[in-house]
């Protein structure tokens, strides 16, 4: 890093954020997972890692709040061709199921297609979990970049195995607590259902949620506090009545354990920040509100042990979604490192 000039333009062939780090000499490793097999509305998130990588080269690396995260060394692993191949296979199998609105009755063809998707998704989960676990074992801080939100399961599982007392801060427009949505066990809409039923996570705090079904509301109620959902409408009302956002952040964070994993679906932000994401919903957090939430985690003495960023879908004619995603990613890295001092 001695010859690196953080004030200069990034070389076109540089790595993430314009850096020349390798996975061996970087402290923070980003695992790209270009996978979106179960997308049920808009698509394009499998292009997220590549688009974020390109946009990251335009990010100024000095951060007023967290200093110089780049100085610790940041590297993104190569875009995995194997995962791209799995994605194409699973998307093709999923297409008739999605078109039919899910597995219906005893339709053998749809059942077989869903089963194929589930098999490929399970394979992807195993790859993500093993890849993240390998980097954690090497002493790295690991962030995972999607792809749709289903890719987070393997990353969360790997972190939970290493940090069994951790809680999850989940920012999203959707609760993602549906059981096997449309017949897909590993649906992007089922990620937190799978996390909470398959892993012994101590606490799940959900922020930005504004689109969820009755089944999901029932799961939250039945969790007896293990899942704490801060509905976006309630948050908006509190803000309108004069409650400070910092106070609300404190309430959101105070129920989390000391070790925190952040799972961030970009559609948790207001749609102006991510107009091309697959399932945008009116409402949501501003960019600065999201950053204040990260800051609150750290300022309350908690440690961010890992994170993922998902559902960034680049637009056909602009880089806005990737631009926002790259800056959000740098903030996630910065506050994670700051929490570990």
Protein backbone atom coordinates (compact mmCIF):
# COMPACT_ATOMS: atom_id res chain seq x y z
CA UNK A 1 0.00 0.00 0.00
CA UNK A 2 3.03 2.34 0.21
CA UNK A 3 2.64 3.53 -3.41
CA UNK A 4 -1.14 3.86 -3.25
CA UNK A 5 -2.49 7.40 -3.62
CA UNK A 6 -6.02 7.60 -2.15
CA UNK A 7 -6.47 11.03 -3.75
CA UNK A 8 -5.85 9.84 -7.29
CA UNK A 9 -8.29 8.37 -9.78
CA UNK A 10 -8.66 4.60 -9.54
CA UNK A 11 -6.96 2.57 -12.29
CA UNK A 12 -9.47 0.85 -14.57
CA UNK A 13 -8.08 -2.58 -13.74
CA UNK A 14 -7.98 -2.01 -9.98
CA UNK A 15 -9.85 -4.02 -7.40
CA UNK A 16 -12.78 -3.01 -5.22
CA UNK A 17 -12.69 0.70 -4.25
CA UNK A 18 -9.74 1.16 -6.59
CA UNK A 19 -7.39 -0.82 -4.36
CA UNK A 20 -4.71 -3.32 -5.30
CA UNK A 21 -5.08 -5.60 -2.28
CA UNK A 22 -5.19 -9.34 -2.70
CA UNK A 23 -7.26 -11.62 -0.47
CA UNK A 24 -4.02 -12.65 1.25
CA UNK A 25 -3.01 -9.15 2.35
CA UNK A 26 -6.47 -7.65 2.87
CA UNK A 27 -8.13 -7.56 6.28
CA UNK A 28 -11.68 -7.26 4.87
CA UNK A 29 -12.85 -9.80 2.32
CA UNK A 30 -15.97 -9.31 0.21
CA UNK A 31 -17.57 -12.48 -1.15
CA UNK A 32 -19.58 -11.83 -4.34
CA UNK A 33 -22.58 -14.11 -4.90
CA UNK A 34 -24.25 -13.37 -8.29
CA UNK A 35 -27.38 -15.43 -7.68
CA UNK A 36 -31.10 -14.55 -8.02
CA UNK A 37 -32.89 -17.78 -8.85
CA UNK A 38 -36.05 -17.19 -6.82
CA UNK A 39 -36.74 -13.55 -7.75
CA UNK A 40 -40.50 -13.25 -7.89
CA UNK A 41 -40.85 -9.76 -9.39
CA UNK A 42 -38.03 -7.66 -10.87
CA UNK A 43 -34.63 -9.16 -11.62
CA UNK A 44 -31.06 -8.08 -12.18
CA UNK A 45 -29.58 -8.59 -8.73
CA UNK A 46 -27.18 -11.25 -10.00
CA UNK A 47 -25.41 -8.33 -11.70
CA UNK A 48 -25.11 -6.53 -8.37
CA UNK A 49 -21.59 -7.62 -7.36
CA UNK A 50 -20.10 -6.70 -10.73
CA UNK A 51 -21.89 -3.33 -10.79
CA UNK A 52 -20.88 -2.50 -7.21
CA UNK A 53 -17.27 -3.39 -8.00
CA UNK A 54 -17.27 -0.95 -10.94
CA UNK A 55 -19.05 1.82 -9.00
CA UNK A 56 -16.78 1.41 -5.98
CA UNK A 57 -13.87 2.82 -7.94
CA UNK A 58 -15.60 6.22 -7.84
CA UNK A 59 -15.93 6.30 -4.05
CA UNK A 60 -13.67 8.76 -2.21
CA UNK A 61 -11.88 6.73 0.42
CA UNK A 62 -11.54 9.21 3.26
CA UNK A 63 -14.64 8.93 5.43
CA UNK A 64 -15.39 11.73 7.91
CA UNK A 65 -16.99 9.32 10.41
CA UNK A 66 -14.83 6.21 10.21
CA UNK A 67 -11.53 7.53 8.92
CA UNK A 68 -9.64 5.40 6.43
CA UNK A 69 -11.20 1.93 6.22
CA UNK A 70 -9.19 1.24 3.05
CA UNK A 71 -5.95 1.36 5.04
CA UNK A 72 -6.79 -2.01 6.64
CA UNK A 73 -6.84 -3.61 3.19
CA UNK A 74 -10.04 -4.48 1.28
CA UNK A 75 -10.44 -7.11 -1.41
CA UNK A 76 -13.32 -8.70 -3.29
CA UNK A 77 -12.93 -12.32 -4.33
CA UNK A 78 -13.30 -12.99 -8.06
CA UNK A 79 -16.87 -13.23 -9.40
CA UNK A 80 -17.43 -17.03 -9.22
CA UNK A 81 -18.29 -18.55 -12.58
CA UNK A 82 -19.63 -21.63 -10.81
CA UNK A 83 -22.27 -19.56 -9.05
CA UNK A 84 -23.19 -17.81 -12.31
CA UNK A 85 -23.76 -21.23 -13.89
CA UNK A 86 -25.91 -22.36 -10.94
CA UNK A 87 -27.86 -19.12 -11.24
CA UNK A 88 -28.71 -19.69 -14.89
CA UNK A 89 -29.71 -23.31 -14.24
CA UNK A 90 -31.93 -22.41 -11.30
CA UNK A 91 -33.50 -19.37 -12.98
CA UNK A 92 -34.52 -21.49 -15.96
CA UNK A 93 -36.09 -24.10 -13.68
CA UNK A 94 -37.81 -21.45 -11.55
CA UNK A 95 -39.38 -19.52 -14.43
CA UNK A 96 -42.51 -21.71 -14.89
CA UNK A 97 -43.06 -21.86 -11.13
CA UNK A 98 -42.89 -18.08 -10.77
CA UNK A 99 -45.14 -17.63 -13.82
CA UNK A 100 -47.72 -19.95 -12.24
CA UNK A 101 -47.60 -18.03 -8.96
CA UNK A 102 -45.96 -20.91 -7.14
CA UNK A 103 -46.36 -24.66 -6.94
CA UNK A 104 -50.08 -25.30 -7.40
CA UNK A 105 -51.80 -28.43 -6.11
CA UNK A 106 -50.43 -31.64 -7.47
CA UNK A 107 -48.80 -30.27 -10.61
CA UNK A 108 -45.93 -32.73 -10.99
CA UNK A 109 -43.99 -30.56 -13.46
CA UNK A 110 -44.03 -27.56 -11.15
CA UNK A 111 -43.10 -29.69 -8.17
CA UNK A 112 -40.15 -31.13 -10.07
CA UNK A 113 -39.03 -27.66 -11.17
CA UNK A 114 -39.22 -26.31 -7.62
CA UNK A 115 -37.29 -29.31 -6.33
CA UNK A 116 -34.53 -28.63 -8.87
CA UNK A 117 -34.34 -25.00 -7.78
CA UNK A 118 -34.18 -26.02 -4.13
CA UNK A 119 -31.31 -28.40 -4.87
CA UNK A 120 -29.29 -25.75 -6.68
CA UNK A 121 -30.01 -23.16 -3.99
CA UNK A 122 -28.84 -25.59 -1.30
CA UNK A 123 -25.64 -26.09 -3.27
CA UNK A 124 -25.16 -22.32 -3.44
CA UNK A 125 -25.77 -22.00 0.31
CA UNK A 126 -23.11 -24.61 1.03
CA UNK A 127 -20.61 -22.84 -1.22
CA UNK A 128 -21.26 -19.48 0.46
CA UNK A 129 -21.03 -20.96 3.95
CA UNK A 130 -17.78 -22.76 3.20
CA UNK A 131 -16.23 -19.75 1.46
CA UNK A 132 -17.14 -17.35 4.28
CA UNK A 133 -16.06 -19.82 6.97
CA UNK A 134 -12.69 -20.25 5.27
CA UNK A 135 -12.09 -16.49 5.32
CA UNK A 136 -13.25 -16.18 8.93
CA UNK A 137 -10.83 -18.93 9.91
CA UNK A 138 -8.05 -16.94 8.27
CA UNK A 139 -8.84 -14.03 10.60
CA UNK A 140 -10.63 -11.89 8.02
CA UNK A 141 -13.63 -9.62 8.42
CA UNK A 142 -16.13 -10.89 5.85
CA UNK A 143 -18.94 -9.15 3.99
CA UNK A 144 -21.11 -10.90 1.43
CA UNK A 145 -22.46 -9.11 -1.65
CA UNK A 146 -25.52 -10.37 -3.53
CA UNK A 147 -27.41 -11.32 -5.46
CA UNK A 148 -30.89 -11.66 -4.01
CA UNK A 149 -31.40 -11.95 -0.27
CA UNK A 150 -31.44 -15.76 -0.32
CA UNK A 151 -27.63 -15.72 -0.61
CA UNK A 152 -27.36 -14.49 2.97
CA UNK A 153 -28.16 -17.82 4.63
CA UNK A 154 -24.74 -19.38 4.12
CA UNK A 155 -22.99 -16.20 5.27
CA UNK A 156 -25.14 -15.93 8.38
CA UNK A 157 -24.66 -19.64 9.14
CA UNK A 158 -20.87 -19.30 8.90
CA UNK A 159 -20.84 -16.26 11.18
CA UNK A 160 -23.24 -17.87 13.65
CA UNK A 161 -20.98 -20.93 13.92
CA UNK A 162 -18.15 -18.60 14.91
CA UNK A 163 -20.21 -16.16 16.99
CA UNK A 164 -23.05 -18.25 18.50
CA UNK A 165 -24.27 -15.41 20.74
CA UNK A 166 -24.71 -12.94 17.89
CA UNK A 167 -27.93 -11.19 16.98
CA UNK A 168 -29.01 -9.98 13.56
CA UNK A 169 -29.92 -6.44 12.56
CA UNK A 170 -32.03 -6.86 9.43
CA UNK A 171 -32.83 -3.80 7.29
CA UNK A 172 -35.41 -4.51 4.59
CA UNK A 173 -38.74 -3.47 3.12
CA UNK A 174 -39.91 -7.06 3.67
CA UNK A 175 -39.90 -9.33 6.72
CA UNK A 176 -38.68 -12.34 4.66
CA UNK A 177 -40.35 -14.71 7.14
CA UNK A 178 -42.46 -16.67 4.63
CA UNK A 179 -42.18 -20.44 4.75
CA UNK A 180 -40.96 -21.77 1.36
CA UNK A 181 -42.49 -18.93 -0.66
CA UNK A 182 -43.91 -20.14 -4.03
CA UNK A 183 -42.61 -23.61 -3.19
CA UNK A 184 -38.96 -22.54 -2.98
CA UNK A 185 -37.40 -23.61 0.31
CA UNK A 186 -34.58 -21.11 -0.12
CA UNK A 187 -36.64 -18.22 -1.51
CA UNK A 188 -35.39 -14.67 -1.10
CA UNK A 189 -38.69 -14.12 0.75
CA UNK A 190 -37.85 -16.92 3.20
CA UNK A 191 -34.31 -15.99 4.23
CA UNK A 192 -35.14 -14.90 7.78
CA UNK A 193 -37.64 -17.74 8.24
CA UNK A 194 -34.82 -20.15 7.43
CA UNK A 195 -32.38 -18.32 9.69
CA UNK A 196 -34.74 -18.33 12.67
CA UNK A 197 -35.94 -21.93 12.26
CA UNK A 198 -32.65 -23.57 11.27
CA UNK A 199 -30.14 -21.57 13.36
CA UNK A 200 -30.29 -20.76 17.05
CA UNK A 201 -29.97 -17.01 16.56
CA UNK A 202 -30.60 -15.17 19.81
CA UNK A 203 -32.37 -12.11 18.45
CA UNK A 204 -33.54 -10.76 15.10
CA UNK A 205 -34.26 -7.03 14.92
CA UNK A 206 -36.03 -5.93 11.73
CA UNK A 207 -36.04 -2.30 10.60
CA UNK A 208 -37.71 -0.66 7.60
CA UNK A 209 -40.33 -3.40 7.25
CA UNK A 210 -43.41 -2.16 5.42
CA UNK A 211 -44.58 -5.10 3.30
CA UNK A 212 -45.39 -8.42 4.98
CA UNK A 213 -48.14 -11.01 5.16
CA UNK A 214 -50.34 -12.37 7.94
CA UNK A 215 -48.25 -15.53 8.26
CA UNK A 216 -45.17 -13.42 8.90
CA UNK A 217 -46.97 -11.30 11.50
CA UNK A 218 -48.00 -14.50 13.27
CA UNK A 219 -44.41 -15.75 13.30
CA UNK A 220 -43.23 -12.49 14.88
CA UNK A 221 -45.94 -12.72 17.55
CA UNK A 222 -45.19 -16.38 18.26
CA UNK A 223 -41.45 -15.67 18.69
CA UNK A 224 -42.13 -14.12 22.13
CA UNK A 225 -39.65 -11.34 21.57
CA UNK A 226 -36.97 -13.33 19.76
CA UNK A 227 -38.00 -11.41 16.63
CA UNK A 228 -38.46 -7.68 17.17
CA UNK A 229 -40.04 -5.92 14.19
CA UNK A 230 -39.99 -2.13 13.94
CA UNK A 231 -42.67 -1.46 11.32
CA UNK A 232 -41.90 1.44 9.01
CA UNK A 233 -45.35 2.98 9.52
CA UNK A 234 -44.86 3.07 13.30
CA UNK A 235 -41.41 4.59 12.88
CA UNK A 236 -42.79 7.25 10.51
CA UNK A 237 -45.52 8.12 13.01
CA UNK A 238 -43.00 8.46 15.83
CA UNK A 239 -40.88 10.75 13.68
CA UNK A 240 -43.94 12.84 12.78
CA UNK A 241 -44.75 13.22 16.48
CA UNK A 242 -41.27 14.55 17.14
CA UNK A 243 -39.28 11.55 18.34
CA UNK A 244 -35.67 11.91 17.24
CA UNK A 245 -34.28 9.32 14.84
CA UNK A 246 -31.35 8.80 17.19
CA UNK A 247 -33.80 7.88 19.96
CA UNK A 248 -35.54 5.39 17.70
CA UNK A 249 -32.18 3.89 16.71
CA UNK A 250 -31.37 3.47 20.37
CA UNK A 251 -34.61 1.54 20.88
CA UNK A 252 -33.87 -0.67 17.88
CA UNK A 253 -30.33 -1.47 18.97
CA UNK A 254 -30.79 -1.86 22.71
CA UNK A 255 -32.46 -5.28 22.33
CA UNK A 256 -29.52 -6.69 20.36
CA UNK A 257 -26.72 -8.68 22.03
CA UNK A 258 -23.17 -7.39 22.09
CA UNK A 259 -22.19 -9.15 18.82
CA UNK A 260 -24.21 -8.07 15.80
CA UNK A 261 -24.44 -9.27 12.21
CA UNK A 262 -26.02 -6.78 9.77
CA UNK A 263 -28.10 -8.14 6.90
CA UNK A 264 -28.99 -5.26 4.60
CA UNK A 265 -31.42 -5.58 1.70
CA UNK A 266 -31.07 -2.38 -0.34
CA UNK A 267 -34.86 -2.06 -0.65
CA UNK A 268 -34.88 -1.19 3.05
CA UNK A 269 -33.91 2.27 1.78
CA UNK A 270 -36.40 4.65 0.22
CA UNK A 271 -36.95 3.74 -3.47
CA UNK A 272 -35.16 6.87 -4.70
CA UNK A 273 -31.93 5.23 -3.51
CA UNK A 274 -32.60 1.93 -5.32
CA UNK A 275 -35.17 2.41 -8.12
CA UNK A 276 -34.16 -0.76 -9.97
CA UNK A 277 -34.19 -3.20 -7.05
CA UNK A 278 -36.49 -6.16 -7.59
CA UNK A 279 -39.27 -5.28 -5.14
CA UNK A 280 -39.22 -1.55 -4.31
CA UNK A 281 -41.76 -0.31 -1.74
CA UNK A 282 -42.69 3.30 -0.84
CA UNK A 283 -41.30 4.48 2.49
CA UNK A 284 -38.10 3.21 4.01
CA UNK A 285 -34.92 4.67 5.43
CA UNK A 286 -32.92 7.53 3.98
CA UNK A 287 -29.25 6.87 3.34
CA UNK A 288 -28.25 8.93 6.37
CA UNK A 289 -30.80 7.23 8.61
CA UNK A 290 -29.24 3.88 7.71
CA UNK A 291 -25.77 5.17 8.54
CA UNK A 292 -26.99 6.58 11.85
CA UNK A 293 -28.35 3.12 12.67
CA UNK A 294 -24.90 1.58 12.03
CA UNK A 295 -23.33 4.31 14.14
CA UNK A 296 -25.72 3.59 16.99
CA UNK A 297 -24.75 -0.08 16.99
CA UNK A 298 -21.12 0.93 17.48
CA UNK A 299 -21.66 3.79 19.90
CA UNK A 300 -23.63 1.52 22.23
CA UNK A 301 -20.57 -0.70 22.61
CA UNK A 302 -21.66 -3.46 20.26
CA UNK A 303 -19.37 -5.23 17.82
CA UNK A 304 -20.32 -5.79 14.20
CA UNK A 305 -18.97 -9.25 13.37
CA UNK A 306 -20.03 -9.40 9.71
CA UNK A 307 -22.54 -8.18 7.18
CA UNK A 308 -24.18 -8.72 3.84
CA UNK A 309 -25.58 -6.33 1.22
CA UNK A 310 -28.16 -7.72 -1.20
CA UNK A 311 -30.73 -6.88 -3.89
CA UNK A 312 -28.68 -4.17 -5.62
CA UNK A 313 -29.82 -4.27 -9.25
CA UNK A 314 -28.05 -1.97 -11.71
CA UNK A 315 -30.31 0.01 -14.02
CA UNK A 316 -30.20 -0.44 -17.81
CA UNK A 317 -29.10 3.15 -18.43
CA UNK A 318 -27.52 4.39 -15.22
CA UNK A 319 -25.33 3.34 -12.29
CA UNK A 320 -27.36 4.98 -9.52
CA UNK A 321 -28.29 1.78 -7.65
CA UNK A 322 -24.71 0.52 -7.80
CA UNK A 323 -23.43 3.97 -6.81
CA UNK A 324 -25.59 3.96 -3.68
CA UNK A 325 -24.74 0.31 -3.02
CA UNK A 326 -21.00 0.93 -3.21
CA UNK A 327 -21.20 3.83 -0.77
CA UNK A 328 -23.41 1.89 1.61
CA UNK A 329 -20.93 -0.98 1.40
CA UNK A 330 -18.02 1.30 2.29
CA UNK A 331 -19.96 2.63 5.28
CA UNK A 332 -20.71 -0.94 6.41
CA UNK A 333 -17.01 -1.75 6.19
CA UNK A 334 -16.02 1.42 8.02
CA UNK A 335 -18.38 1.00 10.94
CA UNK A 336 -17.59 -2.71 11.20
CA UNK A 337 -13.88 -1.94 11.54
CA UNK A 338 -14.55 0.91 13.97
CA UNK A 339 -16.60 -1.43 16.16
CA UNK A 340 -13.67 -3.81 16.46
CA UNK A 341 -11.08 -1.35 17.79
